Amino acid sequence: MSPEVALRRIAVEEYLATSFEDGDREYVDGVVVERNMGEKDHSRLQRRLIVLLDKIADVYCFPEQRVQVKANRFRVPDVCACVGVEPEEQVFTTPPFLAIEILSRTDRASDVEEKIDDYLSFGVPFVWVIDPRLKLGYVYTSGGRETCSDSLSTVGPEIRVRLADLFA
């Protein structure tokens, strides 16, 4: 966690009761952490992902959804998707099928890796990381990482998003 993005230490109950005016924050071991976002490339990709994923039957797509990955950690993926039945809970405490992070130019590799580890340890089967500047994607699973220049995909069910459609 980068020191310049750590805001302040609070109780988990206070975090859950707080609405942040300029975008949600993550909660990591008692510290509220600002998320990098707000640029057009990031926003455009987020919108396109939601539109493309929303067209798939039995896939429920959520932008900036709080996900409790551990008792003292809440992550907020740029987009997450659940399959089968739409979750009823307001803050997800069960793993979504897919968590997606869109890199911002100020993201640090160590912070992104920590998020990926949190998602995979929590039981999220697929994590996509998209780099808008390089126009590449990465698929993370418990089995490792794959660099993708054509499309991002999952299995069980199969979800496939062509990078050309995202970056058009």
N, C-alpha and C. Protein backbone atom coordinates (compact mmCIF):
# COMPACT_ATOMS: atom_id res chain seq x y z
N MET A 1 0.84 -1.17 0.00
CA MET A 1 0.00 0.00 0.00
C MET A 1 0.88 1.23 0.00
N SER A 2 0.69 2.11 -0.95
CA SER A 2 1.50 3.32 -1.07
C SER A 2 1.18 4.29 0.06
N PRO A 3 2.19 4.87 0.73
CA PRO A 3 1.92 5.78 1.83
C PRO A 3 1.19 7.04 1.40
N GLU A 4 1.39 7.49 0.16
CA GLU A 4 0.74 8.72 -0.26
C GLU A 4 -0.76 8.55 -0.51
N VAL A 5 -1.24 7.31 -0.62
CA VAL A 5 -2.67 7.13 -0.84
C VAL A 5 -3.39 6.67 0.43
N ALA A 6 -2.66 6.37 1.49
CA ALA A 6 -3.30 5.99 2.75
C ALA A 6 -3.89 7.26 3.37
N LEU A 7 -5.16 7.21 3.73
CA LEU A 7 -5.80 8.40 4.27
C LEU A 7 -5.72 8.44 5.80
N ARG A 8 -6.36 7.51 6.48
CA ARG A 8 -6.31 7.49 7.94
C ARG A 8 -6.85 6.16 8.44
N ARG A 9 -6.53 5.83 9.68
CA ARG A 9 -6.93 4.57 10.30
C ARG A 9 -8.32 4.75 10.95
N ILE A 10 -9.26 3.84 10.63
CA ILE A 10 -10.60 3.89 11.22
C ILE A 10 -11.09 2.46 11.46
N ALA A 11 -12.15 2.33 12.22
CA ALA A 11 -12.78 1.03 12.47
C ALA A 11 -13.56 0.60 11.23
N VAL A 12 -13.68 -0.70 11.02
CA VAL A 12 -14.38 -1.23 9.86
C VAL A 12 -15.82 -0.73 9.81
N GLU A 13 -16.48 -0.60 10.96
CA GLU A 13 -17.86 -0.12 11.00
C GLU A 13 -17.97 1.30 10.46
N GLU A 14 -16.99 2.14 10.78
CA GLU A 14 -17.00 3.51 10.26
C GLU A 14 -16.79 3.52 8.76
N TYR A 15 -15.86 2.68 8.27
CA TYR A 15 -15.64 2.57 6.83
C TYR A 15 -16.93 2.18 6.12
N LEU A 16 -17.60 1.16 6.62
CA LEU A 16 -18.82 0.68 5.96
C LEU A 16 -19.95 1.71 6.00
N ALA A 17 -19.92 2.61 6.96
CA ALA A 17 -20.96 3.63 7.08
C ALA A 17 -20.61 4.93 6.35
N THR A 18 -19.45 4.97 5.72
CA THR A 18 -18.98 6.21 5.08
C THR A 18 -19.22 6.17 3.58
N SER A 19 -19.76 7.28 3.07
CA SER A 19 -19.85 7.50 1.63
C SER A 19 -18.84 8.57 1.28
N PHE A 20 -17.93 8.25 0.39
CA PHE A 20 -16.88 9.19 0.00
C PHE A 20 -17.36 9.98 -1.20
N GLU A 21 -17.19 11.30 -1.15
CA GLU A 21 -17.73 12.19 -2.18
C GLU A 21 -17.09 12.02 -3.55
N ASP A 22 -15.81 11.70 -3.59
CA ASP A 22 -15.10 11.66 -4.87
C ASP A 22 -14.66 10.25 -5.24
N GLY A 23 -15.51 9.27 -5.01
CA GLY A 23 -15.21 7.89 -5.35
C GLY A 23 -14.93 7.06 -4.12
N ASP A 24 -15.27 5.81 -4.18
CA ASP A 24 -15.12 4.93 -3.03
C ASP A 24 -13.65 4.69 -2.72
N ARG A 25 -13.40 4.21 -1.55
CA ARG A 25 -12.06 3.88 -1.08
C ARG A 25 -12.02 2.40 -0.71
N GLU A 26 -10.83 1.87 -0.64
CA GLU A 26 -10.65 0.51 -0.14
C GLU A 26 -10.27 0.59 1.34
N TYR A 27 -10.42 -0.52 2.01
CA TYR A 27 -10.11 -0.61 3.43
C TYR A 27 -9.14 -1.77 3.61
N VAL A 28 -7.91 -1.45 4.04
CA VAL A 28 -6.87 -2.47 4.15
C VAL A 28 -6.26 -2.41 5.55
N ASP A 29 -6.59 -3.42 6.34
CA ASP A 29 -6.02 -3.57 7.68
C ASP A 29 -6.20 -2.31 8.53
N GLY A 30 -7.40 -1.74 8.50
CA GLY A 30 -7.71 -0.60 9.34
C GLY A 30 -7.41 0.75 8.72
N VAL A 31 -6.86 0.77 7.52
CA VAL A 31 -6.51 2.03 6.86
C VAL A 31 -7.38 2.22 5.62
N VAL A 32 -7.96 3.39 5.49
CA VAL A 32 -8.73 3.74 4.30
C VAL A 32 -7.73 4.15 3.22
N VAL A 33 -7.87 3.52 2.04
CA VAL A 33 -6.90 3.73 0.97
C VAL A 33 -7.61 4.29 -0.25
N GLU A 34 -7.11 5.40 -0.76
CA GLU A 34 -7.66 6.02 -1.96
C GLU A 34 -7.36 5.16 -3.18
N ARG A 35 -8.30 5.11 -4.11
CA ARG A 35 -8.12 4.37 -5.36
C ARG A 35 -7.75 5.34 -6.46
N ASN A 36 -6.86 4.91 -7.36
CA ASN A 36 -6.49 5.71 -8.53
C ASN A 36 -7.57 5.55 -9.59
N MET A 37 -8.12 6.66 -10.05
CA MET A 37 -9.12 6.62 -11.11
C MET A 37 -9.42 8.03 -11.56
N GLY A 38 -10.39 8.16 -12.43
CA GLY A 38 -10.85 9.48 -12.80
C GLY A 38 -10.42 9.97 -14.17
N GLU A 39 -9.55 9.22 -14.86
CA GLU A 39 -9.15 9.65 -16.18
C GLU A 39 -10.04 9.01 -17.24
N LYS A 40 -10.11 9.69 -18.37
CA LYS A 40 -11.02 9.27 -19.44
C LYS A 40 -10.74 7.85 -19.93
N ASP A 41 -9.47 7.48 -20.14
CA ASP A 41 -9.14 6.13 -20.60
C ASP A 41 -9.71 5.08 -19.66
N HIS A 42 -9.56 5.33 -18.38
CA HIS A 42 -10.04 4.42 -17.35
C HIS A 42 -11.56 4.32 -17.40
N SER A 43 -12.21 5.46 -17.42
CA SER A 43 -13.67 5.51 -17.42
C SER A 43 -14.27 4.87 -18.67
N ARG A 44 -13.67 5.15 -19.82
CA ARG A 44 -14.17 4.59 -21.07
C ARG A 44 -14.10 3.06 -21.05
N LEU A 45 -12.96 2.52 -20.60
CA LEU A 45 -12.82 1.07 -20.53
C LEU A 45 -13.81 0.45 -19.54
N GLN A 46 -14.01 1.11 -18.44
CA GLN A 46 -14.97 0.62 -17.45
C GLN A 46 -16.37 0.55 -18.05
N ARG A 47 -16.77 1.59 -18.76
CA ARG A 47 -18.10 1.61 -19.39
C ARG A 47 -18.22 0.52 -20.45
N ARG A 48 -17.20 0.39 -21.29
CA ARG A 48 -17.25 -0.64 -22.35
C ARG A 48 -17.30 -2.04 -21.78
N LEU A 49 -16.55 -2.29 -20.73
CA LEU A 49 -16.59 -3.60 -20.08
C LEU A 49 -17.99 -3.92 -19.57
N ILE A 50 -18.59 -2.94 -18.91
CA ILE A 50 -19.92 -3.16 -18.35
C ILE A 50 -20.93 -3.44 -19.46
N VAL A 51 -20.87 -2.68 -20.53
CA VAL A 51 -21.80 -2.88 -21.66
C VAL A 51 -21.60 -4.27 -22.27
N LEU A 52 -20.35 -4.66 -22.50
CA LEU A 52 -20.08 -5.97 -23.11
C LEU A 52 -20.46 -7.13 -22.19
N LEU A 53 -20.13 -7.03 -20.93
CA LEU A 53 -20.44 -8.12 -19.99
C LEU A 53 -21.93 -8.22 -19.69
N ASP A 54 -22.60 -7.07 -19.69
CA ASP A 54 -24.04 -7.06 -19.40
C ASP A 54 -24.87 -7.78 -20.46
N LYS A 55 -24.31 -7.95 -21.66
CA LYS A 55 -25.03 -8.63 -22.74
C LYS A 55 -25.01 -10.15 -22.60
N ILE A 56 -24.18 -10.66 -21.70
CA ILE A 56 -24.02 -12.11 -21.56
C ILE A 56 -25.06 -12.63 -20.57
N ALA A 57 -25.78 -13.66 -20.98
CA ALA A 57 -26.83 -14.23 -20.14
C ALA A 57 -26.24 -14.74 -18.83
N ASP A 58 -26.96 -14.51 -17.75
CA ASP A 58 -26.60 -14.98 -16.41
C ASP A 58 -25.29 -14.40 -15.88
N VAL A 59 -24.86 -13.27 -16.45
CA VAL A 59 -23.71 -12.55 -15.92
C VAL A 59 -24.22 -11.23 -15.36
N TYR A 60 -23.91 -10.97 -14.11
CA TYR A 60 -24.34 -9.75 -13.43
C TYR A 60 -23.10 -8.92 -13.15
N CYS A 61 -23.10 -7.72 -13.70
CA CYS A 61 -21.93 -6.86 -13.71
C CYS A 61 -22.11 -5.70 -12.72
N PHE A 62 -21.05 -5.39 -11.96
CA PHE A 62 -21.12 -4.34 -10.95
C PHE A 62 -19.88 -3.46 -11.01
N PRO A 63 -20.05 -2.15 -11.26
CA PRO A 63 -18.90 -1.25 -11.21
C PRO A 63 -18.64 -0.82 -9.77
N GLU A 64 -17.37 -0.78 -9.40
CA GLU A 64 -16.95 -0.23 -8.11
C GLU A 64 -17.76 -0.78 -6.94
N GLN A 65 -17.84 -2.08 -6.86
CA GLN A 65 -18.58 -2.80 -5.84
C GLN A 65 -17.65 -3.18 -4.68
N ARG A 66 -18.04 -2.84 -3.46
CA ARG A 66 -17.24 -3.26 -2.30
C ARG A 66 -17.30 -4.77 -2.14
N VAL A 67 -16.12 -5.37 -1.98
CA VAL A 67 -15.99 -6.81 -1.81
C VAL A 67 -15.13 -7.05 -0.57
N GLN A 68 -15.69 -7.74 0.42
CA GLN A 68 -14.93 -8.04 1.63
C GLN A 68 -14.11 -9.30 1.38
N VAL A 69 -12.81 -9.12 1.16
CA VAL A 69 -11.94 -10.24 0.83
C VAL A 69 -11.35 -10.91 2.07
N LYS A 70 -11.32 -10.20 3.19
CA LYS A 70 -10.89 -10.70 4.50
C LYS A 70 -11.66 -9.90 5.54
N ALA A 71 -11.58 -10.33 6.78
CA ALA A 71 -12.31 -9.63 7.85
C ALA A 71 -11.92 -8.16 7.93
N ASN A 72 -10.68 -7.84 7.64
CA ASN A 72 -10.20 -6.47 7.75
C ASN A 72 -9.75 -5.88 6.41
N ARG A 73 -10.30 -6.43 5.32
CA ARG A 73 -9.95 -5.91 3.98
C ARG A 73 -11.17 -5.88 3.08
N PHE A 74 -11.39 -4.70 2.51
CA PHE A 74 -12.45 -4.51 1.52
C PHE A 74 -11.79 -3.93 0.28
N ARG A 75 -11.95 -4.63 -0.82
CA ARG A 75 -11.44 -4.15 -2.10
C ARG A 75 -12.61 -3.65 -2.93
N VAL A 76 -12.31 -2.76 -3.88
CA VAL A 76 -13.32 -2.19 -4.76
C VAL A 76 -12.82 -2.34 -6.19
N PRO A 77 -13.07 -3.49 -6.81
CA PRO A 77 -12.62 -3.64 -8.20
C PRO A 77 -13.32 -2.63 -9.11
N ASP A 78 -12.65 -2.26 -10.18
CA ASP A 78 -13.28 -1.33 -11.13
C ASP A 78 -14.57 -1.92 -11.67
N VAL A 79 -14.56 -3.21 -11.94
CA VAL A 79 -15.75 -3.95 -12.38
C VAL A 79 -15.63 -5.35 -11.79
N CYS A 80 -16.75 -5.90 -11.33
CA CYS A 80 -16.75 -7.32 -11.00
C CYS A 80 -18.01 -7.94 -11.58
N ALA A 81 -17.94 -9.25 -11.79
CA ALA A 81 -19.06 -9.96 -12.40
C ALA A 81 -19.34 -11.23 -11.61
N CYS A 82 -20.61 -11.48 -11.42
CA CYS A 82 -21.09 -12.71 -10.79
C CYS A 82 -21.87 -13.48 -11.85
N VAL A 83 -21.88 -14.79 -11.72
CA VAL A 83 -22.61 -15.61 -12.69
C VAL A 83 -23.68 -16.42 -11.97
N GLY A 84 -24.71 -16.78 -12.73
CA GLY A 84 -25.79 -17.59 -12.17
C GLY A 84 -26.89 -16.74 -11.58
N VAL A 85 -26.76 -16.41 -10.31
CA VAL A 85 -27.78 -15.65 -9.60
C VAL A 85 -27.18 -14.33 -9.14
N GLU A 86 -27.95 -13.26 -9.28
CA GLU A 86 -27.48 -11.95 -8.83
C GLU A 86 -27.40 -11.93 -7.31
N PRO A 87 -26.27 -11.51 -6.75
CA PRO A 87 -26.14 -11.43 -5.28
C PRO A 87 -27.14 -10.44 -4.69
N GLU A 88 -27.62 -10.77 -3.51
CA GLU A 88 -28.57 -9.87 -2.83
C GLU A 88 -27.86 -8.93 -1.86
N GLU A 89 -26.67 -9.29 -1.41
CA GLU A 89 -25.98 -8.50 -0.40
C GLU A 89 -25.47 -7.18 -0.97
N GLN A 90 -25.45 -6.15 -0.13
CA GLN A 90 -25.00 -4.83 -0.55
C GLN A 90 -23.48 -4.75 -0.65
N VAL A 91 -22.79 -5.40 0.26
CA VAL A 91 -21.34 -5.52 0.22
C VAL A 91 -21.08 -7.01 0.05
N PHE A 92 -20.38 -7.36 -1.02
CA PHE A 92 -20.18 -8.78 -1.32
C PHE A 92 -19.25 -9.42 -0.29
N THR A 93 -19.72 -10.52 0.27
CA THR A 93 -18.90 -11.31 1.20
C THR A 93 -18.62 -12.70 0.64
N THR A 94 -19.12 -12.94 -0.56
CA THR A 94 -18.78 -14.16 -1.29
C THR A 94 -18.05 -13.73 -2.57
N PRO A 95 -17.12 -14.54 -3.04
CA PRO A 95 -16.31 -14.11 -4.18
C PRO A 95 -17.12 -13.95 -5.46
N PRO A 96 -16.94 -12.84 -6.16
CA PRO A 96 -17.51 -12.76 -7.51
C PRO A 96 -16.74 -13.72 -8.41
N PHE A 97 -17.28 -13.99 -9.57
CA PHE A 97 -16.63 -14.88 -10.53
C PHE A 97 -15.41 -14.21 -11.17
N LEU A 98 -15.50 -12.89 -11.34
CA LEU A 98 -14.49 -12.14 -12.06
C LEU A 98 -14.31 -10.77 -11.40
N ALA A 99 -13.06 -10.40 -11.14
CA ALA A 99 -12.73 -9.05 -10.68
C ALA A 99 -11.84 -8.42 -11.74
N ILE A 100 -12.12 -7.16 -12.07
CA ILE A 100 -11.38 -6.48 -13.13
C ILE A 100 -10.78 -5.19 -12.57
N GLU A 101 -9.50 -5.02 -12.80
CA GLU A 101 -8.80 -3.79 -12.44
C GLU A 101 -8.28 -3.15 -13.72
N ILE A 102 -8.55 -1.87 -13.88
CA ILE A 102 -8.04 -1.09 -15.00
C ILE A 102 -6.92 -0.23 -14.46
N LEU A 103 -5.75 -0.38 -15.02
CA LEU A 103 -4.59 0.35 -14.51
C LEU A 103 -4.69 1.84 -14.82
N SER A 104 -4.31 2.63 -13.83
CA SER A 104 -4.13 4.06 -14.00
C SER A 104 -2.64 4.32 -14.07
N ARG A 105 -2.26 5.44 -14.63
CA ARG A 105 -0.83 5.68 -14.82
C ARG A 105 -0.07 5.80 -13.52
N THR A 106 -0.75 6.07 -12.40
CA THR A 106 -0.07 6.20 -11.12
C THR A 106 -0.13 4.93 -10.27
N ASP A 107 -0.72 3.86 -10.79
CA ASP A 107 -0.75 2.60 -10.04
C ASP A 107 0.65 2.05 -9.87
N ARG A 108 0.91 1.51 -8.70
CA ARG A 108 2.18 0.84 -8.42
C ARG A 108 2.00 -0.66 -8.57
N ALA A 109 2.97 -1.30 -9.17
CA ALA A 109 2.89 -2.75 -9.39
C ALA A 109 2.66 -3.51 -8.10
N SER A 110 3.34 -3.12 -7.03
CA SER A 110 3.19 -3.84 -5.75
C SER A 110 1.77 -3.72 -5.20
N ASP A 111 1.14 -2.56 -5.38
CA ASP A 111 -0.24 -2.39 -4.91
C ASP A 111 -1.21 -3.24 -5.73
N VAL A 112 -1.01 -3.28 -7.05
CA VAL A 112 -1.87 -4.08 -7.92
C VAL A 112 -1.69 -5.56 -7.61
N GLU A 113 -0.47 -5.99 -7.41
CA GLU A 113 -0.20 -7.40 -7.08
C GLU A 113 -0.86 -7.78 -5.75
N GLU A 114 -0.84 -6.87 -4.79
CA GLU A 114 -1.49 -7.14 -3.50
C GLU A 114 -2.99 -7.32 -3.67
N LYS A 115 -3.61 -6.50 -4.52
CA LYS A 115 -5.04 -6.64 -4.80
C LYS A 115 -5.32 -7.99 -5.46
N ILE A 116 -4.52 -8.33 -6.46
CA ILE A 116 -4.71 -9.60 -7.16
C ILE A 116 -4.60 -10.76 -6.17
N ASP A 117 -3.59 -10.73 -5.32
CA ASP A 117 -3.43 -11.77 -4.30
C ASP A 117 -4.64 -11.84 -3.38
N ASP A 118 -5.17 -10.67 -2.99
CA ASP A 118 -6.37 -10.65 -2.14
C ASP A 118 -7.56 -11.32 -2.84
N TYR A 119 -7.78 -10.97 -4.10
CA TYR A 119 -8.90 -11.55 -4.84
C TYR A 119 -8.74 -13.07 -4.97
N LEU A 120 -7.57 -13.52 -5.39
CA LEU A 120 -7.36 -14.95 -5.60
C LEU A 120 -7.43 -15.72 -4.28
N SER A 121 -6.85 -15.18 -3.21
CA SER A 121 -6.92 -15.83 -1.90
C SER A 121 -8.35 -15.93 -1.38
N PHE A 122 -9.16 -14.95 -1.73
CA PHE A 122 -10.57 -14.92 -1.33
C PHE A 122 -11.39 -15.95 -2.09
N GLY A 123 -10.89 -16.38 -3.25
CA GLY A 123 -11.61 -17.37 -4.04
C GLY A 123 -12.18 -16.86 -5.34
N VAL A 124 -11.80 -15.65 -5.75
CA VAL A 124 -12.22 -15.14 -7.05
C VAL A 124 -11.48 -15.98 -8.10
N PRO A 125 -12.20 -16.69 -8.97
CA PRO A 125 -11.52 -17.57 -9.92
C PRO A 125 -10.72 -16.84 -11.00
N PHE A 126 -11.19 -15.66 -11.42
CA PHE A 126 -10.53 -14.94 -12.51
C PHE A 126 -10.37 -13.47 -12.14
N VAL A 127 -9.17 -12.95 -12.37
CA VAL A 127 -8.89 -11.53 -12.21
C VAL A 127 -8.31 -11.05 -13.52
N TRP A 128 -8.93 -10.02 -14.09
CA TRP A 128 -8.41 -9.39 -15.30
C TRP A 128 -7.79 -8.06 -14.90
N VAL A 129 -6.62 -7.78 -15.42
CA VAL A 129 -5.97 -6.49 -15.26
C VAL A 129 -5.77 -5.94 -16.67
N ILE A 130 -6.24 -4.73 -16.89
CA ILE A 130 -6.19 -4.12 -18.22
C ILE A 130 -5.32 -2.87 -18.17
N ASP A 131 -4.38 -2.80 -19.10
CA ASP A 131 -3.50 -1.65 -19.20
C ASP A 131 -3.90 -0.83 -20.42
N PRO A 132 -4.58 0.31 -20.22
CA PRO A 132 -5.05 1.10 -21.36
C PRO A 132 -3.92 1.73 -22.17
N ARG A 133 -2.78 1.98 -21.58
CA ARG A 133 -1.69 2.58 -22.33
C ARG A 133 -1.00 1.58 -23.25
N LEU A 134 -0.81 0.35 -22.78
CA LEU A 134 -0.18 -0.68 -23.61
C LEU A 134 -1.20 -1.45 -24.45
N LYS A 135 -2.48 -1.25 -24.14
CA LYS A 135 -3.58 -1.97 -24.82
C LYS A 135 -3.38 -3.48 -24.70
N LEU A 136 -3.05 -3.89 -23.49
CA LEU A 136 -2.87 -5.30 -23.16
C LEU A 136 -3.75 -5.65 -21.97
N GLY A 137 -4.01 -6.94 -21.83
CA GLY A 137 -4.72 -7.44 -20.67
C GLY A 137 -3.97 -8.62 -20.08
N TYR A 138 -4.24 -8.88 -18.84
CA TYR A 138 -3.62 -9.99 -18.12
C TYR A 138 -4.73 -10.75 -17.41
N VAL A 139 -4.69 -12.06 -17.53
CA VAL A 139 -5.66 -12.92 -16.83
C VAL A 139 -4.91 -13.65 -15.73
N TYR A 140 -5.37 -13.46 -14.50
CA TYR A 140 -4.79 -14.13 -13.34
C TYR A 140 -5.77 -15.18 -12.83
N THR A 141 -5.24 -16.34 -12.53
CA THR A 141 -5.99 -17.41 -11.88
C THR A 141 -5.07 -18.00 -10.81
N SER A 142 -5.60 -18.94 -10.05
CA SER A 142 -4.74 -19.59 -9.05
C SER A 142 -3.57 -20.31 -9.72
N GLY A 143 -3.68 -20.58 -11.02
CA GLY A 143 -2.62 -21.25 -11.76
C GLY A 143 -1.55 -20.34 -12.32
N GLY A 144 -1.73 -19.03 -12.23
CA GLY A 144 -0.72 -18.11 -12.73
C GLY A 144 -1.29 -16.96 -13.52
N ARG A 145 -0.44 -16.36 -14.35
CA ARG A 145 -0.80 -15.18 -15.14
C ARG A 145 -0.58 -15.45 -16.61
N GLU A 146 -1.50 -14.92 -17.42
CA GLU A 146 -1.38 -15.01 -18.86
C GLU A 146 -1.48 -13.59 -19.43
N THR A 147 -0.55 -13.22 -20.30
CA THR A 147 -0.60 -11.93 -20.99
C THR A 147 -1.44 -12.11 -22.25
N CYS A 148 -2.37 -11.17 -22.47
CA CYS A 148 -3.31 -11.30 -23.59
C CYS A 148 -3.24 -10.05 -24.47
N SER A 149 -3.05 -10.26 -25.75
CA SER A 149 -3.06 -9.14 -26.69
C SER A 149 -4.28 -9.20 -27.61
N ASP A 150 -5.03 -10.30 -27.57
CA ASP A 150 -6.21 -10.47 -28.43
C ASP A 150 -7.51 -10.37 -27.64
N SER A 151 -7.66 -11.20 -26.61
CA SER A 151 -8.90 -11.20 -25.83
C SER A 151 -8.64 -11.68 -24.42
N LEU A 152 -9.55 -11.29 -23.53
CA LEU A 152 -9.55 -11.75 -22.14
C LEU A 152 -10.66 -12.78 -22.02
N SER A 153 -10.42 -13.84 -21.25
CA SER A 153 -11.45 -14.87 -21.19
C SER A 153 -11.47 -15.57 -19.84
N THR A 154 -12.58 -16.28 -19.62
CA THR A 154 -12.76 -17.15 -18.47
C THR A 154 -13.29 -18.48 -18.99
N VAL A 155 -13.32 -19.48 -18.13
CA VAL A 155 -13.98 -20.75 -18.43
C VAL A 155 -14.89 -21.09 -17.27
N GLY A 156 -15.95 -21.85 -17.59
CA GLY A 156 -16.87 -22.34 -16.57
C GLY A 156 -17.71 -21.31 -15.86
N PRO A 157 -18.40 -20.39 -16.53
CA PRO A 157 -18.71 -20.33 -17.95
C PRO A 157 -17.64 -19.56 -18.74
N GLU A 158 -17.74 -19.74 -20.05
CA GLU A 158 -16.83 -19.01 -20.93
C GLU A 158 -17.33 -17.59 -21.12
N ILE A 159 -16.47 -16.67 -20.79
CA ILE A 159 -16.70 -15.25 -21.05
C ILE A 159 -15.49 -14.79 -21.85
N ARG A 160 -15.72 -14.12 -22.95
CA ARG A 160 -14.61 -13.65 -23.78
C ARG A 160 -14.89 -12.21 -24.20
N VAL A 161 -13.91 -11.36 -23.97
CA VAL A 161 -13.99 -9.96 -24.38
C VAL A 161 -12.76 -9.66 -25.22
N ARG A 162 -13.01 -9.26 -26.46
CA ARG A 162 -11.90 -8.92 -27.36
C ARG A 162 -11.33 -7.55 -26.98
N LEU A 163 -10.02 -7.47 -26.90
CA LEU A 163 -9.39 -6.19 -26.57
C LEU A 163 -9.65 -5.15 -27.65
N ALA A 164 -9.78 -5.59 -28.90
CA ALA A 164 -10.10 -4.65 -29.99
C ALA A 164 -11.43 -3.95 -29.73
N ASP A 165 -12.39 -4.67 -29.15
CA ASP A 165 -13.69 -4.07 -28.82
C ASP A 165 -13.56 -3.06 -27.68
N LEU A 166 -12.67 -3.34 -26.75
CA LEU A 166 -12.47 -2.41 -25.63
C LEU A 166 -11.75 -1.15 -26.06
N PHE A 167 -10.77 -1.30 -26.94
CA PHE A 167 -9.92 -0.17 -27.32
C PHE A 167 -10.33 0.49 -28.63
N ALA A 168 -11.48 0.11 -29.19
CA ALA A 168 -11.92 0.67 -30.47
C ALA A 168 -12.11 2.16 -30.37
